[in-house]
Amino acid sequence: MEIIPTEEIEWKAVVANARVGDVRSKYVREGEILPGVGYASDCYWYVGGEHVFTAPRHRHDFEQIRISMTGEQDFGRGQVTEEGWIAYFPAGAYYGPERIDGASIFQIQWSDAWVSRAAHDRAYEELSRTGEFTGGEYFYTDENGERQTKDGLNAIWEHVFGRPAASAIPAPRYPEPILMNPDAFSYVEDGSGVSAKILGRFTERDLTITKIRWDEPVGYVMPGDRTYCMFTNTGDVTVEGRTYGRHTVIWSDLGESVSVAGAPGTEALCIAFPPARFAPAAVERG
């Protein structure tokens, strides 16, 4: 288990930025949600104004969830999230062109072939010696002396793994990002003292996103059958005798059970990642 009260962390400028715009970040956590499945979680602030964030239409090998803390995000083709919304980006699905002008998010990205933070920054530095990251793309001259371009993040992935990014990008299970407005869902009470809105269960790997509300000061248990991530929206939660405010991230790792108590009216989002049988080694054995 790890608890990160993100409101207590200072914003830092993103230096190795393969996109466009003034972006600040707060490191939250990275590791594995399953053996062989790496992830990174961070808060991002797209400052906007003269240095608005933009990115071309693109797709990735990894899965991604963005929780809007403040402002709006425009993912192109009419897909816009508002404050409090959640966006799920399936691996392989195209989105963009993006434009984010003054918004902050909590973001989780994960995949079976994950580029760690250290590997990303190292590849960015090495590629910058032989080309240029600009406009969300990477420009370079090939061995024949011809000017070439690639999506900036895909160029980094290819540099790390030494093969085309297209070889790892799957056919999308869904053709585009899935946007969720939690306010449009209704809470369901089950007598436990905690009400829930199931916002979605996705793919054969059973990724589940739920919004919960404490109606009584009771414990909400994230069991050890899978990795969980909780993000508090409003109110206070208590874990092992310590109380935390809004925008706190609670990671409950595979194999452990964590109980979170909330003051009545407190709301949080809970993400249940795929169970252990979907670890790459287990899938290969199956």
Foldseek 3Di string as FASTA:
>chain_A
DDKFQQVPFDWAWDDLDLWWFTKTKGFDDWDAQEVLKTKGKIKMWRAADPGWTWAAKDFALKKKKKAWQAAKKAFDPPDMDHHGKMKIWFFQAITDRITGGTTMIIMMIMDSLDQDPVLLVVLSVVLVVAWDRDNQKTWGADPVRDIDIDRRVQSSSCSSPVDHRVVSGDHGPDRGMDMFDVVVFDWDDDPPQKTKTWGDFDDPLGKTKMKMFGQAQFWDKDAQQTKKKKAWRAFWKDWPHDIHGHRMIDIDHHPHMTIITTHGGTMMMMIGGGGHCPNPVNVVVD
